[in-house]
C-alpha atoms as a PDB file:
ATOM      1  CA  MET A   1       1.150 -14.676  -5.951  1.00  0.00           C
ATOM      2  CA  ASP A   2       2.072 -18.230  -5.017  1.00  0.00           C
ATOM      3  CA  SER A   3       3.344 -20.688  -7.623  1.00  0.00           C
ATOM      4  CA  LEU A   4       0.130 -22.733  -7.825  1.00  0.00           C
ATOM      5  CA  THR A   5      -1.936 -19.648  -8.565  1.00  0.00           C
ATOM      6  CA  GLN A   6       0.458 -18.509 -11.282  1.00  0.00           C
ATOM      7  CA  ILE A   7       0.390 -21.996 -12.823  1.00  0.00           C
ATOM      8  CA  VAL A   8      -3.422 -21.969 -12.887  1.00  0.00           C
ATOM      9  CA  LEU A   9      -3.556 -18.478 -14.383  1.00  0.00           C
ATOM     10  CA  GLY A  10      -0.922 -19.307 -16.989  1.00  0.00           C
ATOM     11  CA  ALA A  11      -2.705 -22.525 -17.957  1.00  0.00           C
ATOM     12  CA  ALA A  12      -6.054 -20.727 -18.305  1.00  0.00           C
ATOM     13  CA  VAL A  13      -4.489 -17.987 -20.432  1.00  0.00           C
ATOM     14  CA  GLY A  14      -2.756 -20.597 -22.597  1.00  0.00           C
ATOM     15  CA  GLU A  15      -6.062 -22.366 -23.099  1.00  0.00           C
ATOM     16  CA  ALA A  16      -7.813 -19.111 -24.003  1.00  0.00           C
ATOM     17  CA  VAL A  17      -5.177 -18.294 -26.629  1.00  0.00           C
ATOM     18  CA  LEU A  18      -4.476 -21.669 -28.220  1.00  0.00           C
ATOM     19  CA  GLY A  19      -6.710 -24.322 -26.636  1.00  0.00           C
ATOM     20  CA  ARG A  20      -8.960 -24.760 -29.659  1.00  0.00           C
ATOM     21  CA  LYS A  21      -5.978 -25.659 -31.842  1.00  0.00           C
ATOM     22  CA  ILE A  22      -3.727 -27.786 -29.629  1.00  0.00           C
ATOM     23  CA  GLY A  23      -5.925 -28.821 -26.684  1.00  0.00           C
ATOM     24  CA  ASN A  24      -4.310 -29.522 -23.308  1.00  0.00           C
ATOM     25  CA  LYS A  25      -0.849 -28.653 -24.592  1.00  0.00           C
ATOM     26  CA  ALA A  26      -1.989 -25.028 -24.511  1.00  0.00           C
ATOM     27  CA  MET A  27      -2.625 -25.408 -20.781  1.00  0.00           C
ATOM     28  CA  LEU A  28       0.708 -27.146 -20.283  1.00  0.00           C
ATOM     29  CA  TYR A  29       2.754 -24.483 -22.031  1.00  0.00           C
ATOM     30  CA  GLY A  30       0.696 -21.722 -20.438  1.00  0.00           C
ATOM     31  CA  ALA A  31       1.386 -23.203 -16.998  1.00  0.00           C
ATOM     32  CA  ILE A  32       5.115 -23.391 -17.740  1.00  0.00           C
ATOM     33  CA  ALA A  33       5.190 -19.838 -19.084  1.00  0.00           C
ATOM     34  CA  GLY A  34       3.257 -18.642 -16.037  1.00  0.00           C
ATOM     35  CA  THR A  35       6.092 -19.754 -13.761  1.00  0.00           C
ATOM     36  CA  ILE A  36       9.038 -18.453 -15.802  1.00  0.00           C
ATOM     37  CA  PRO A  37       8.978 -14.850 -14.435  1.00  0.00           C
ATOM     38  CA  ASP A  38       9.565 -16.222 -10.926  1.00  0.00           C
ATOM     39  CA  LEU A  39      12.892 -17.734 -11.943  1.00  0.00           C
ATOM     40  CA  ASP A  40      14.359 -14.467 -10.668  1.00  0.00           C
ATOM     41  CA  ILE A  41      14.330 -16.083  -7.205  1.00  0.00           C
ATOM     42  CA  PHE A  42      17.583 -17.796  -8.184  1.00  0.00           C
ATOM     43  CA  ALA A  43      19.220 -14.415  -7.580  1.00  0.00           C
ATOM     44  CA  ASN A  44      19.248 -15.477  -3.914  1.00  0.00           C
ATOM     45  CA  PHE A  45      22.020 -17.961  -4.740  1.00  0.00           C
ATOM     46  CA  PHE A  46      24.464 -15.559  -6.379  1.00  0.00           C
ATOM     47  CA  ALA A  47      23.613 -12.065  -5.112  1.00  0.00           C
ATOM     48  CA  ASP A  48      23.658 -10.393  -1.721  1.00  0.00           C
ATOM     49  CA  LYS A  49      20.350  -9.992   0.086  1.00  0.00           C
ATOM     50  CA  VAL A  50      19.764  -6.367  -0.966  1.00  0.00           C
ATOM     51  CA  SER A  51      20.518  -7.063  -4.643  1.00  0.00           C
ATOM     52  CA  ALA A  52      18.308 -10.170  -4.595  1.00  0.00           C
ATOM     53  CA  LEU A  53      15.419  -8.151  -3.168  1.00  0.00           C
ATOM     54  CA  GLU A  54      15.891  -5.525  -5.883  1.00  0.00           C
ATOM     55  CA  ILE A  55      15.984  -8.173  -8.621  1.00  0.00           C
ATOM     56  CA  HIS A  56      12.856  -9.977  -7.403  1.00  0.00           C
ATOM     57  CA  ARG A  57       9.819  -9.012  -9.468  1.00  0.00           C
ATOM     58  CA  GLY A  58      11.980  -6.734 -11.581  1.00  0.00           C
ATOM     59  CA  PHE A  59      13.117  -7.412 -15.152  1.00  0.00           C
ATOM     60  CA  THR A  60      11.373 -10.806 -15.525  1.00  0.00           C
ATOM     61  CA  HIS A  61       8.098  -9.217 -14.383  1.00  0.00           C
ATOM     62  CA  SER A  62       8.141  -6.406 -16.918  1.00  0.00           C
ATOM     63  CA  ILE A  63       6.368  -5.632 -20.163  1.00  0.00           C
ATOM     64  CA  PHE A  64       9.825  -5.459 -21.733  1.00  0.00           C
ATOM     65  CA  PHE A  65      10.568  -9.079 -20.767  1.00  0.00           C
ATOM     66  CA  SER A  66       7.195 -10.272 -22.080  1.00  0.00           C
ATOM     67  CA  VAL A  67       7.644  -8.567 -25.435  1.00  0.00           C
ATOM     68  CA  LEU A  68      11.266  -9.624 -25.846  1.00  0.00           C
ATOM     69  CA  PHE A  69      11.100 -13.258 -24.770  1.00  0.00           C
ATOM     70  CA  ALA A  70       7.652 -14.335 -26.000  1.00  0.00           C
ATOM     71  CA  PRO A  71       8.805 -14.708 -29.653  1.00  0.00           C
ATOM     72  CA  ILE A  72      12.064 -16.356 -28.539  1.00  0.00           C
ATOM     73  CA  PHE A  73      10.241 -19.061 -26.583  1.00  0.00           C
ATOM     74  CA  ALA A  74       7.687 -19.355 -29.400  1.00  0.00           C
ATOM     75  CA  PHE A  75      10.443 -19.964 -31.946  1.00  0.00           C
ATOM     76  CA  LEU A  76      12.069 -22.633 -29.769  1.00  0.00           C
ATOM     77  CA  VAL A  77       8.804 -24.471 -29.072  1.00  0.00           C
ATOM     78  CA  SER A  78       7.748 -24.413 -32.723  1.00  0.00           C
ATOM     79  CA  LYS A  79      10.958 -26.281 -33.592  1.00  0.00           C
ATOM     80  CA  PHE A  80       9.880 -29.494 -31.849  1.00  0.00           C
ATOM     81  CA  GLU A  81       6.084 -29.210 -31.622  1.00  0.00           C
ATOM     82  CA  LYS A  82       3.821 -30.302 -34.487  1.00  0.00           C
ATOM     83  CA  TYR A  83       2.003 -26.976 -34.363  1.00  0.00           C
ATOM     84  CA  LYS A  84       4.393 -24.588 -36.145  1.00  0.00           C
ATOM     85  CA  ASN A  85       2.621 -21.218 -36.073  1.00  0.00           C
ATOM     86  CA  VAL A  86       5.204 -18.994 -34.344  1.00  0.00           C
ATOM     87  CA  LYS A  87       2.776 -16.064 -34.147  1.00  0.00           C
ATOM     88  CA  ASP A  88       0.233 -18.109 -32.172  1.00  0.00           C
ATOM     89  CA  TRP A  89       2.927 -19.450 -29.862  1.00  0.00           C
ATOM     90  CA  SER A  90       4.181 -15.887 -29.353  1.00  0.00           C
ATOM     91  CA  TRP A  91       0.739 -14.754 -28.261  1.00  0.00           C
ATOM     92  CA  LEU A  92       0.483 -17.653 -25.807  1.00  0.00           C
ATOM     93  CA  PHE A  93       3.828 -16.862 -24.189  1.00  0.00           C
ATOM     94  CA  PHE A  94       3.232 -13.111 -24.199  1.00  0.00           C
ATOM     95  CA  TRP A  95      -0.117 -13.319 -22.411  1.00  0.00           C
ATOM     96  CA  ALA A  96       1.091 -15.968 -19.962  1.00  0.00           C
ATOM     97  CA  PHE A  97       4.143 -13.829 -19.177  1.00  0.00           C
ATOM     98  CA  ILE A  98       2.347 -10.487 -18.827  1.00  0.00           C
ATOM     99  CA  THR A  99      -0.594 -11.708 -16.726  1.00  0.00           C
ATOM    100  CA  HIS A 100       1.871 -13.022 -14.144  1.00  0.00           C
ATOM    101  CA  PRO A 101       3.196  -9.584 -13.067  1.00  0.00           C
ATOM    102  CA  ILE A 102      -0.236  -7.996 -13.456  1.00  0.00           C
ATOM    103  CA  LEU A 103      -1.528 -10.445 -10.851  1.00  0.00           C
ATOM    104  CA  ASP A 104       1.567  -9.923  -8.679  1.00  0.00           C
ATOM    105  CA  ALA A 105       0.885  -6.188  -8.750  1.00  0.00           C
ATOM    106  CA  GLN A 106      -2.215  -6.856  -6.641  1.00  0.00           C
ATOM    107  CA  THR A 107      -0.047  -8.019  -3.722  1.00  0.00           C
ATOM    108  CA  THR A 108       1.962  -6.192  -1.079  1.00  0.00           C
ATOM    109  CA  TRP A 109       5.365  -6.742  -2.685  1.00  0.00           C
ATOM    110  CA  GLY A 110       4.246  -5.464  -6.071  1.00  0.00           C
ATOM    111  CA  THR A 111       6.114  -5.621  -9.369  1.00  0.00           C
ATOM    112  CA  GLN A 112       8.234  -3.477 -11.679  1.00  0.00           C
ATOM    113  CA  LEU A 113       5.905  -3.834 -14.639  1.00  0.00           C
ATOM    114  CA  PHE A 114       7.478  -0.824 -16.352  1.00  0.00           C
ATOM    115  CA  TRP A 115      11.099  -1.876 -15.800  1.00  0.00           C
ATOM    116  CA  PRO A 116      13.672  -0.315 -16.308  1.00  0.00           C
ATOM    117  CA  LEU A 117      11.708   2.558 -14.779  1.00  0.00           C
ATOM    118  CA  ASP A 118      11.995   2.385 -10.996  1.00  0.00           C
ATOM    119  CA  ILE A 119       8.254   2.094 -10.433  1.00  0.00           C
ATOM    120  CA  ARG A 120       6.967  -0.804  -8.332  1.00  0.00           C
ATOM    121  CA  LEU A 121       3.210  -1.289  -8.601  1.00  0.00           C
ATOM    122  CA  ALA A 122       1.652  -2.687  -5.434  1.00  0.00           C
ATOM    123  CA  PHE A 123      -2.115  -2.304  -5.081  1.00  0.00           C
ATOM    124  CA  LYS A 124      -2.201  -4.473  -1.922  1.00  0.00           C
ATOM    125  CA  ASN A 125      -5.706  -5.818  -2.480  1.00  0.00           C
ATOM    126  CA  VAL A 126      -4.935  -9.552  -2.167  1.00  0.00           C
ATOM    127  CA  PHE A 127      -2.579 -11.625  -0.047  1.00  0.00           C
ATOM    128  CA  VAL A 128       0.098 -13.628  -1.848  1.00  0.00           C
ATOM    129  CA  VAL A 129      -1.954 -16.789  -1.155  1.00  0.00           C
ATOM    130  CA  ASP A 130      -5.726 -16.431  -1.485  1.00  0.00           C
ATOM    131  CA  PRO A 131      -7.832 -19.629  -1.686  1.00  0.00           C
ATOM    132  CA  LEU A 132     -10.933 -17.717  -2.802  1.00  0.00           C
ATOM    133  CA  TYR A 133      -9.059 -16.609  -5.912  1.00  0.00           C
ATOM    134  CA  THR A 134      -7.236 -19.851  -6.663  1.00  0.00           C
ATOM    135  CA  LEU A 135      -9.525 -22.770  -5.790  1.00  0.00           C
ATOM    136  CA  PRO A 136     -12.601 -21.942  -7.944  1.00  0.00           C
ATOM    137  CA  PHE A 137     -10.219 -21.075 -10.785  1.00  0.00           C
ATOM    138  CA  LEU A 138      -8.427 -24.431 -10.393  1.00  0.00           C
ATOM    139  CA  VAL A 139     -11.652 -26.466 -10.308  1.00  0.00           C
ATOM    140  CA  LEU A 140     -12.979 -24.854 -13.484  1.00  0.00           C
ATOM    141  CA  LEU A 141      -9.619 -25.308 -15.221  1.00  0.00           C
ATOM    142  CA  ILE A 142      -9.641 -29.040 -14.390  1.00  0.00           C
ATOM    143  CA  LEU A 143     -13.204 -29.346 -15.708  1.00  0.00           C
ATOM    144  CA  ALA A 144     -12.117 -27.671 -18.936  1.00  0.00           C
ATOM    145  CA  ALA A 145      -9.104 -29.985 -19.293  1.00  0.00           C
ATOM    146  CA  PHE A 146     -11.385 -33.051 -19.384  1.00  0.00           C
ATOM    147  CA  GLN A 147     -13.355 -31.718 -22.343  1.00  0.00           C
ATOM    148  CA  LYS A 148     -12.431 -32.239 -25.984  1.00  0.00           C
ATOM    149  CA  LYS A 149     -10.568 -29.304 -27.485  1.00  0.00           C
ATOM    150  CA  GLU A 150     -13.482 -28.445 -29.811  1.00  0.00           C
ATOM    151  CA  ALA A 151     -16.129 -28.670 -27.077  1.00  0.00           C
ATOM    152  CA  LYS A 152     -18.080 -25.553 -26.150  1.00  0.00           C
ATOM    153  CA  LYS A 153     -18.070 -26.655 -22.503  1.00  0.00           C
ATOM    154  CA  ARG A 154     -14.263 -26.470 -22.531  1.00  0.00           C
ATOM    155  CA  ARG A 155     -14.294 -22.801 -23.470  1.00  0.00           C
ATOM    156  CA  PHE A 156     -17.192 -22.158 -21.100  1.00  0.00           C
ATOM    157  CA  TYR A 157     -15.399 -23.589 -18.055  1.00  0.00           C
ATOM    158  CA  ASN A 158     -12.127 -21.853 -18.857  1.00  0.00           C
ATOM    159  CA  ASN A 159     -13.737 -18.497 -19.589  1.00  0.00           C
ATOM    160  CA  LEU A 160     -15.860 -18.781 -16.454  1.00  0.00           C
ATOM    161  CA  GLY A 161     -12.707 -19.341 -14.400  1.00  0.00           C
ATOM    162  CA  LEU A 162     -11.094 -16.246 -15.884  1.00  0.00           C
ATOM    163  CA  ILE A 163     -14.237 -14.168 -15.310  1.00  0.00           C
ATOM    164  CA  ILE A 164     -14.771 -15.293 -11.700  1.00  0.00           C
ATOM    165  CA  SER A 165     -11.127 -14.821 -10.715  1.00  0.00           C
ATOM    166  CA  SER A 166     -10.941 -11.392 -12.356  1.00  0.00           C
ATOM    167  CA  SER A 167     -14.245 -10.338 -10.774  1.00  0.00           C
ATOM    168  CA  TYR A 168     -12.904 -11.390  -7.382  1.00  0.00           C
ATOM    169  CA  LEU A 169      -9.908  -9.094  -7.833  1.00  0.00           C
ATOM    170  CA  VAL A 170     -12.274  -6.211  -8.594  1.00  0.00           C
ATOM    171  CA  LEU A 171     -14.263  -7.076  -5.464  1.00  0.00           C
ATOM    172  CA  THR A 172     -11.097  -7.005  -3.331  1.00  0.00           C
ATOM    173  CA  LEU A 173     -10.410  -3.469  -4.525  1.00  0.00           C
ATOM    174  CA  VAL A 174     -13.869  -2.484  -3.307  1.00  0.00           C
ATOM    175  CA  LEU A 175     -13.258  -4.210   0.034  1.00  0.00           C
ATOM    176  CA  LYS A 176      -9.918  -2.436   0.312  1.00  0.00           C
ATOM    177  CA  GLY A 177     -11.686   0.888  -0.197  1.00  0.00           C
ATOM    178  CA  ILE A 178     -14.207   0.075   2.532  1.00  0.00           C
ATOM    179  CA  SER A 179     -11.465  -0.943   4.975  1.00  0.00           C
ATOM    180  CA  TYR A 180      -9.544   2.235   4.172  1.00  0.00           C
ATOM    181  CA  GLN A 181     -12.561   4.320   5.106  1.00  0.00           C
ATOM    182  CA  THR A 182     -12.930   2.359   8.349  1.00  0.00           C
ATOM    183  CA  PHE A 183      -9.310   2.958   9.353  1.00  0.00           C
ATOM    184  CA  THR A 184      -9.259   6.661   8.497  1.00  0.00           C
ATOM    185  CA  LYS A 185     -12.484   7.250  10.426  1.00  0.00           C
ATOM    186  CA  GLU A 186     -11.026   5.432  13.441  1.00  0.00           C
ATOM    187  CA  LEU A 187      -7.853   7.522  13.270  1.00  0.00           C
ATOM    188  CA  ALA A 188      -9.956  10.673  13.231  1.00  0.00           C
ATOM    189  CA  VAL A 189     -12.126   9.519  16.146  1.00  0.00           C
ATOM    190  CA  GLN A 190      -9.035   8.615  18.177  1.00  0.00           C
ATOM    191  CA  ASN A 191      -7.463  11.964  17.241  1.00  0.00           C
ATOM    192  CA  ILE A 192      -4.349  10.325  15.798  1.00  0.00           C
ATOM    193  CA  GLN A 193      -2.295  12.591  13.564  1.00  0.00           C
ATOM    194  CA  TYR A 194      -0.588  10.669  10.794  1.00  0.00           C
ATOM    195  CA  LYS A 195       1.482  11.215   7.654  1.00  0.00           C
ATOM    196  CA  GLU A 196       0.492   8.223   5.554  1.00  0.00           C
ATOM    197  CA  ILE A 197      -1.651   5.101   5.711  1.00  0.00           C
ATOM    198  CA  GLN A 198      -1.494   1.846   3.753  1.00  0.00           C
ATOM    199  CA  THR A 199      -4.015  -0.984   3.946  1.00  0.00           C
ATOM    200  CA  LYS A 200      -3.707  -4.637   2.961  1.00  0.00           C
ATOM    201  CA  PRO A 201      -5.509  -7.928   3.625  1.00  0.00           C
ATOM    202  CA  THR A 202      -4.248 -10.366   6.213  1.00  0.00           C
ATOM    203  CA  PRO A 203      -3.125 -13.851   5.098  1.00  0.00           C
ATOM    204  CA  LEU A 204      -5.532 -16.125   3.213  1.00  0.00           C
ATOM    205  CA  ASN A 205      -8.581 -13.840   3.301  1.00  0.00           C
ATOM    206  CA  THR A 206     -10.072 -10.452   2.444  1.00  0.00           C
ATOM    207  CA  ILE A 207     -12.305 -10.103   5.523  1.00  0.00           C
ATOM    208  CA  LEU A 208      -9.653  -9.007   8.003  1.00  0.00           C
ATOM    209  CA  TRP A 209      -7.542  -6.038   6.907  1.00  0.00           C
ATOM    210  CA  THR A 210      -4.392  -4.434   8.266  1.00  0.00           C
ATOM    211  CA  ALA A 211      -3.439  -0.762   8.297  1.00  0.00           C
ATOM    212  CA  ASN A 212       0.129   0.490   8.517  1.00  0.00           C
ATOM    213  CA  VAL A 213       0.077   4.088   9.696  1.00  0.00           C
ATOM    214  CA  GLU A 214       3.063   6.414   9.760  1.00  0.00           C
ATOM    215  CA  THR A 215       3.265   9.057  12.481  1.00  0.00           C
ATOM    216  CA  GLU A 216       6.115  11.396  13.368  1.00  0.00           C
ATOM    217  CA  ASN A 217       8.169   9.012  15.499  1.00  0.00           C
ATOM    218  CA  ALA A 218       6.430   5.657  15.160  1.00  0.00           C
ATOM    219  CA  PHE A 219       4.432   3.357  12.944  1.00  0.00           C
ATOM    220  CA  LEU A 220       1.016   2.145  14.019  1.00  0.00           C
ATOM    221  CA  ILE A 221      -0.456  -1.198  13.005  1.00  0.00           C
ATOM    222  CA  GLY A 222      -4.158  -1.910  13.355  1.00  0.00           C
ATOM    223  CA  HIS A 223      -6.550  -4.661  12.262  1.00  0.00           C
ATOM    224  CA  SER A 224     -10.167  -4.394  11.194  1.00  0.00           C
ATOM    225  CA  SER A 225     -12.571  -7.211  10.368  1.00  0.00           C
ATOM    226  CA  PHE A 226     -15.892  -6.670   8.624  1.00  0.00           C
ATOM    227  CA  PHE A 227     -17.373  -8.481  11.651  1.00  0.00           C
ATOM    228  CA  ASP A 228     -15.901  -6.052  14.203  1.00  0.00           C
ATOM    229  CA  LYS A 229     -18.137  -4.395  16.757  1.00  0.00           C
ATOM    230  CA  ASN A 230     -15.491  -2.455  18.689  1.00  0.00           C
ATOM    231  CA  PRO A 231     -13.040   0.302  17.694  1.00  0.00           C
ATOM    232  CA  VAL A 232      -9.731  -0.504  16.021  1.00  0.00           C
ATOM    233  CA  ASP A 233      -6.826  -0.977  18.420  1.00  0.00           C
ATOM    234  CA  PHE A 234      -3.587   0.440  17.004  1.00  0.00           C
ATOM    235  CA  SER A 235      -0.233  -0.889  18.233  1.00  0.00           C
ATOM    236  CA  SER A 236       2.727   1.485  18.187  1.00  0.00           C
ATOM    237  CA  TYR A 237       6.201   0.602  16.914  1.00  0.00           C
ATOM    238  CA  PRO A 238       8.896   3.266  17.434  1.00  0.00           C
ATOM    239  CA  LYS A 239      10.855   3.968  14.262  1.00  0.00           C
ATOM    240  CA  ASN A 240      14.212   4.099  16.075  1.00  0.00           C
ATOM    241  CA  HIS A 241      15.840   5.207  12.828  1.00  0.00           C
ATOM    242  CA  GLU A 242      18.418   7.143  14.835  1.00  0.00           C
ATOM    243  CA  LEU A 243      19.937   3.827  15.971  1.00  0.00           C
ATOM    244  CA  LEU A 244      21.461   3.445  12.513  1.00  0.00           C
ATOM    245  CA  GLY A 245      23.784   6.382  13.136  1.00  0.00           C
ATOM    246  CA  ASP A 246      26.201   6.863  10.231  1.00  0.00           C
ATOM    247  CA  LEU A 247      25.022   3.591   8.659  1.00  0.00           C
ATOM    248  CA  VAL A 248      22.077   5.501   7.239  1.00  0.00           C
ATOM    249  CA  HIS A 249      24.478   7.131   4.768  1.00  0.00           C
ATOM    250  CA  GLN A 250      25.858   3.819   3.449  1.00  0.00           C
ATOM    251  CA  PRO A 251      24.708   3.099  -0.153  1.00  0.00           C
ATOM    252  CA  LYS A 252      23.543  -0.429   0.675  1.00  0.00           C
ATOM    253  CA  MET A 253      21.490   0.843   3.624  1.00  0.00           C
ATOM    254  CA  LYS A 254      19.940   3.494   1.383  1.00  0.00           C
ATOM    255  CA  ARG A 255      18.996   0.775  -1.113  1.00  0.00           C
ATOM    256  CA  MET A 256      17.389  -1.323   1.613  1.00  0.00           C
ATOM    257  CA  ILE A 257      15.410   1.650   2.862  1.00  0.00           C
ATOM    258  CA  ALA A 258      14.301   2.363  -0.716  1.00  0.00           C
ATOM    259  CA  ILE A 259      13.092  -1.228  -1.098  1.00  0.00           C
ATOM    260  CA  THR A 260      10.789  -0.765   1.901  1.00  0.00           C
ATOM    261  CA  ASN A 261       9.709   2.712   0.762  1.00  0.00           C
ATOM    262  CA  GLY A 262      10.628   3.894   4.243  1.00  0.00           C
ATOM    263  CA  TRP A 263       8.300   1.466   6.028  1.00  0.00           C
ATOM    264  CA  TYR A 264      10.844   0.035   8.446  1.00  0.00           C
ATOM    265  CA  THR A 265      11.848   0.118  12.094  1.00  0.00           C
ATOM    266  CA  ILE A 266      15.154  -0.556  13.820  1.00  0.00           C
ATOM    267  CA  ASN A 267      15.513  -2.381  17.106  1.00  0.00           C
ATOM    268  CA  LYS A 268      18.536  -3.372  19.140  1.00  0.00           C
ATOM    269  CA  LYS A 269      19.030  -6.675  20.922  1.00  0.00           C
ATOM    270  CA  ASP A 270      22.224  -7.976  22.531  1.00  0.00           C
ATOM    271  CA  ASP A 271      24.229  -5.172  20.893  1.00  0.00           C
ATOM    272  CA  ALA A 272      22.964  -6.207  17.454  1.00  0.00           C
ATOM    273  CA  LEU A 273      20.791  -4.040  15.218  1.00  0.00           C
ATOM    274  CA  TYR A 274      17.776  -5.466  13.409  1.00  0.00           C
ATOM    275  CA  PHE A 275      16.036  -4.062  10.355  1.00  0.00           C
ATOM    276  CA  ASN A 276      12.273  -4.773  10.299  1.00  0.00           C
ATOM    277  CA  ASP A 277      10.314  -4.496   7.045  1.00  0.00           C
ATOM    278  CA  LEU A 278       6.873  -3.365   8.209  1.00  0.00           C
ATOM    279  CA  ARG A 279       5.122  -3.833   4.869  1.00  0.00           C
ATOM    280  CA  PHE A 280       4.399  -7.485   5.613  1.00  0.00           C
ATOM    281  CA  GLY A 281       3.504  -7.123   9.291  1.00  0.00           C
ATOM    282  CA  ALA A 282       4.228  -9.399  12.233  1.00  0.00           C
ATOM    283  CA  LEU A 283       3.930 -13.149  12.719  1.00  0.00           C
ATOM    284  CA  SER A 284       1.317 -12.557  15.389  1.00  0.00           C
ATOM    285  CA  MET A 285      -2.016 -10.791  15.752  1.00  0.00           C
ATOM    286  CA  LYS A 286      -1.260  -9.830  19.337  1.00  0.00           C
ATOM    287  CA  PRO A 287      -0.711  -6.117  20.128  1.00  0.00           C
ATOM    288  CA  ASN A 288       2.883  -4.867  19.975  1.00  0.00           C
ATOM    289  CA  ALA A 289       4.206  -8.137  18.541  1.00  0.00           C
ATOM    290  CA  GLU A 290       7.732  -7.622  17.247  1.00  0.00           C
ATOM    291  CA  ASN A 291       8.264 -10.927  15.479  1.00  0.00           C
ATOM    292  CA  PHE A 292       8.069  -9.462  11.992  1.00  0.00           C
ATOM    293  CA  VAL A 293       7.658 -11.549   8.845  1.00  0.00           C
ATOM    294  CA  PHE A 294      10.788 -10.012   7.328  1.00  0.00           C
ATOM    295  CA  LYS A 295      13.414  -9.208   9.921  1.00  0.00           C
ATOM    296  CA  TYR A 296      17.100  -8.787   9.105  1.00  0.00           C
ATOM    297  CA  LYS A 297      20.102  -8.741  11.374  1.00  0.00           C
ATOM    298  CA  ILE A 298      22.516  -5.977  10.354  1.00  0.00           C
ATOM    299  CA  GLU A 299      26.148  -7.015  10.235  1.00  0.00           C
ATOM    300  CA  VAL A 300      28.849  -4.455   9.492  1.00  0.00           C
ATOM    301  CA  ASP A 301      32.243  -5.384   8.024  1.00  0.00           C
ATOM    302  CA  THR A 302      35.596  -3.736   8.788  1.00  0.00           C
ATOM    303  CA  ASN A 303      34.957  -1.140   6.079  1.00  0.00           C
ATOM    304  CA  GLY A 304      31.670  -0.088   7.662  1.00  0.00           C
ATOM    305  CA  VAL A 305      29.549  -1.684   4.918  1.00  0.00           C
ATOM    306  CA  PRO A 306      26.338  -3.311   6.214  1.00  0.00           C
ATOM    307  CA  SER A 307      24.953  -6.678   5.161  1.00  0.00           C
ATOM    308  CA  PHE A 308      21.512  -8.059   5.965  1.00  0.00           C
ATOM    309  CA  ILE A 309      20.929 -11.560   7.300  1.00  0.00           C
ATOM    310  CA  GLU A 310      17.287 -12.621   7.192  1.00  0.00           C
ATOM    311  CA  GLU A 311      16.057 -14.126  10.455  1.00  0.00           C
ATOM    312  CA  ALA A 312      14.802 -17.689  10.064  1.00  0.00           C
ATOM    313  CA  LYS A 313      11.072 -18.215  10.566  1.00  0.00           C
ATOM    314  CA  ASP A 314       9.704 -20.750  13.007  1.00  0.00           C
ATOM    315  CA  LYS A 315       6.944 -22.993  11.611  1.00  0.00           C
ATOM    316  CA  ARG A 316       5.281 -22.872  15.012  1.00  0.00           C
ATOM    317  CA  ASP A 317       4.819 -19.122  14.593  1.00  0.00           C
ATOM    318  CA  ALA A 318       2.974 -19.690  11.316  1.00  0.00           C
ATOM    319  CA  LYS A 319       0.623 -22.228  12.903  1.00  0.00           C
ATOM    320  CA  LYS A 320      -0.007 -19.899  15.811  1.00  0.00           C
ATOM    321  CA  LEU A 321      -0.677 -17.007  13.438  1.00  0.00           C
ATOM    322  CA  LEU A 322      -3.309 -19.020  11.545  1.00  0.00           C
ATOM    323  CA  SER A 323      -5.082 -19.780  14.812  1.00  0.00           C
ATOM    324  CA  GLU A 324      -4.981 -16.116  15.851  1.00  0.00           C
ATOM    325  CA  LEU A 325      -6.183 -15.036  12.424  1.00  0.00           C
ATOM    326  CA  TRP A 326      -9.228 -17.255  12.604  1.00  0.00           C
ATOM    327  CA  GLU A 327     -10.216 -15.818  15.953  1.00  0.00           C
ATOM    328  CA  ARG A 328      -9.612 -12.229  14.861  1.00  0.00           C
ATOM    329  CA  ILE A 329     -11.517 -12.609  11.569  1.00  0.00           C
ATOM    330  CA  LYS A 330     -14.653 -13.385  13.606  1.00  0.00           C
ATOM    331  CA  GLY A 331     -14.482  -9.869  15.049  1.00  0.00           C
ATOM    332  CA  ASN A 332     -13.354  -8.045  18.155  1.00  0.00           C
END
C-alpha cells in the first residue's frame, strides 16, 4: 500500500500495543516502524532493474525480518527513551513490522511474507491506494491522538479504526469473489476458452474490477463495474513471446518472466523490443490500449545479456485515466 496508509496502520498498531503507557509516542514509533519495510526501495539506486524488482517486498516484508529486527530496534529505542521495557518495545515494532506486509499482500504486487521461500502472496483485493480504507482510519486515528492516554475514548477511536479498516478488507474479498463470478460467466457466455483468470480492482475503488485472462496465444483484459448493464468487453493483447527469440533463455530474462508469473507481452517498435507487465494493466480504460503501467525497453549488450529500462510515465496519462475511470465506474 501507499506510504500514508502504512503510516496510519503502523501508528494505530503502535497505539494498540503501547498507547496506554506512553501516549502519542506509541503512535509516532508505530508510524516510523510501519514505513521501515519499504526502505527496500533504495535497491533501485544500487541494483539493476530486475534485481531491484526481486528485492522489493522481499526480505524486509517477511516474518523473518519482523522477528529478527523488532528486538534490535526495541533495544536501541529503550536506550534513549524514558520507557525502558524492551519487551513492550519489541511487541510494538514486531506488530508494526508484520502488519505492513500483511496489508501489502492484499495488493497486486504482493509480498514475500515467508521469505526466504520463493512465495509471493498477492490476494489482489485492494488497489495500492484506496481512500475508503485509509481516510476513515486516518480520521479515527487523529481523534484518538487528541485524547489523554488513559481515556477510554482514545482506545475506542483507535480500536474502531482498526475494526473498520479490517472489515473493509474482508468486504473487498467478497466483492472480488462476486466480480470473479461475473467474469467467468461472461467468458462462458462468449464461448471464450481460457487457461487462467486473475481479477483485481481498478485504481482508487472496489466498484470497478479488471480481469486478466490468459488464452493460448493472447491475454484478454476486461472491466466490470457493479453498475454495468451490458456484457463485458474483452480486449485482446497478443503474447508475442516468440519475438524474444534466444533471449528467452537468458537468465535475466527468465528472472523477469518469473517476476511477472508469466503475465507479460512483447511488442516491437522501431526495431526495439518492449516487455509489458500485464499484472498492473494499462494507463487507459479504452479497448486495446497498449500504454501499460509497467513497460520496459529491452536493451541487449554485446554479450547478449538483456537489461530493462522502465518507460517514463506521463502525468497527463494519469489524469486522463482518472477521468476515464470515473466514467467507467458508473457502468457501461
